[in-house]
Amino acid sequence: MAFFARDSEATLPVWSASQGYPGDGVYREFHRDLGWDLPEEQLT
């Protein structure tokens, strides 16, 4: 059996939707598909 500790304060800036990069509008939402964001002309 192995245990791995996780530092909550170090994790917060990375994964928090309110404080971390996923919550920043500059970064893409990883669930979104680029095919829905681009104009049709750029997809071909």
C-alpha atoms as a PDB file:
ATOM      1  CA  MET A   1       0.000   0.000   0.000  1.00  0.00           C
ATOM      2  CA  ALA A   2       1.250   3.473  -0.836  1.00  0.00           C
ATOM      3  CA  PHE A   3       0.062   6.887   0.228  1.00  0.00           C
ATOM      4  CA  PHE A   4       0.701  10.130  -1.594  1.00  0.00           C
ATOM      5  CA  ALA A   5       0.189  13.427   0.150  1.00  0.00           C
ATOM      6  CA  ARG A   6      -1.366  16.376  -1.662  1.00  0.00           C
ATOM      7  CA  ASP A   7      -0.774  19.952  -0.639  1.00  0.00           C
ATOM      8  CA  SER A   8      -4.140  21.733  -0.835  1.00  0.00           C
ATOM      9  CA  GLU A   9      -2.591  25.192  -1.004  1.00  0.00           C
ATOM     10  CA  ALA A  10      -0.375  24.212  -3.924  1.00  0.00           C
ATOM     11  CA  THR A  11      -3.285  22.530  -5.726  1.00  0.00           C
ATOM     12  CA  LEU A  12      -5.679  25.462  -5.377  1.00  0.00           C
ATOM     13  CA  PRO A  13      -4.006  27.852  -7.866  1.00  0.00           C
ATOM     14  CA  VAL A  14      -3.842  25.105 -10.462  1.00  0.00           C
ATOM     15  CA  TRP A  15      -7.251  23.429 -10.270  1.00  0.00           C
ATOM     16  CA  SER A  16      -9.606  25.899  -8.591  1.00  0.00           C
ATOM     17  CA  ALA A  17     -12.306  27.219 -10.908  1.00  0.00           C
ATOM     18  CA  SER A  18     -12.400  30.503  -8.986  1.00  0.00           C
ATOM     19  CA  GLN A  19      -8.678  31.097  -8.355  1.00  0.00           C
ATOM     20  CA  GLY A  20      -6.775  28.809 -10.683  1.00  0.00           C
ATOM     21  CA  TYR A  21      -6.098  28.909 -14.396  1.00  0.00           C
ATOM     22  CA  PRO A  22      -9.266  26.918 -15.328  1.00  0.00           C
ATOM     23  CA  GLY A  23     -11.332  29.848 -14.058  1.00  0.00           C
ATOM     24  CA  ASP A  24      -9.394  32.444 -16.046  1.00  0.00           C
ATOM     25  CA  GLY A  25     -11.077  33.481 -19.295  1.00  0.00           C
ATOM     26  CA  VAL A  26      -7.736  33.510 -21.125  1.00  0.00           C
ATOM     27  CA  TYR A  27      -7.516  29.718 -21.013  1.00  0.00           C
ATOM     28  CA  ARG A  28      -9.668  27.376 -23.074  1.00  0.00           C
ATOM     29  CA  GLU A  29     -12.272  25.233 -21.451  1.00  0.00           C
ATOM     30  CA  PHE A  30     -10.889  21.726 -21.902  1.00  0.00           C
ATOM     31  CA  HIS A  31     -14.382  20.293 -22.460  1.00  0.00           C
ATOM     32  CA  ARG A  32     -14.991  22.481 -25.493  1.00  0.00           C
ATOM     33  CA  ASP A  33     -14.321  21.324 -29.029  1.00  0.00           C
ATOM     34  CA  LEU A  34     -12.396  23.631 -31.358  1.00  0.00           C
ATOM     35  CA  GLY A  35     -14.697  22.504 -34.164  1.00  0.00           C
ATOM     36  CA  TRP A  36     -17.572  24.360 -32.527  1.00  0.00           C
ATOM     37  CA  ASP A  37     -15.530  27.535 -31.974  1.00  0.00           C
ATOM     38  CA  LEU A  38     -14.009  28.107 -35.404  1.00  0.00           C
ATOM     39  CA  PRO A  39     -15.829  29.455 -38.451  1.00  0.00           C
ATOM     40  CA  GLU A  40     -16.762  26.716 -40.923  1.00  0.00           C
ATOM     41  CA  GLU A  41     -14.276  28.064 -43.508  1.00  0.00           C
ATOM     42  CA  GLN A  42     -11.348  27.353 -41.172  1.00  0.00           C
ATOM     43  CA  LEU A  43     -12.367  23.744 -40.527  1.00  0.00           C
ATOM     44  CA  THR A  44     -11.672  22.501 -44.043  1.00  0.00           C
END
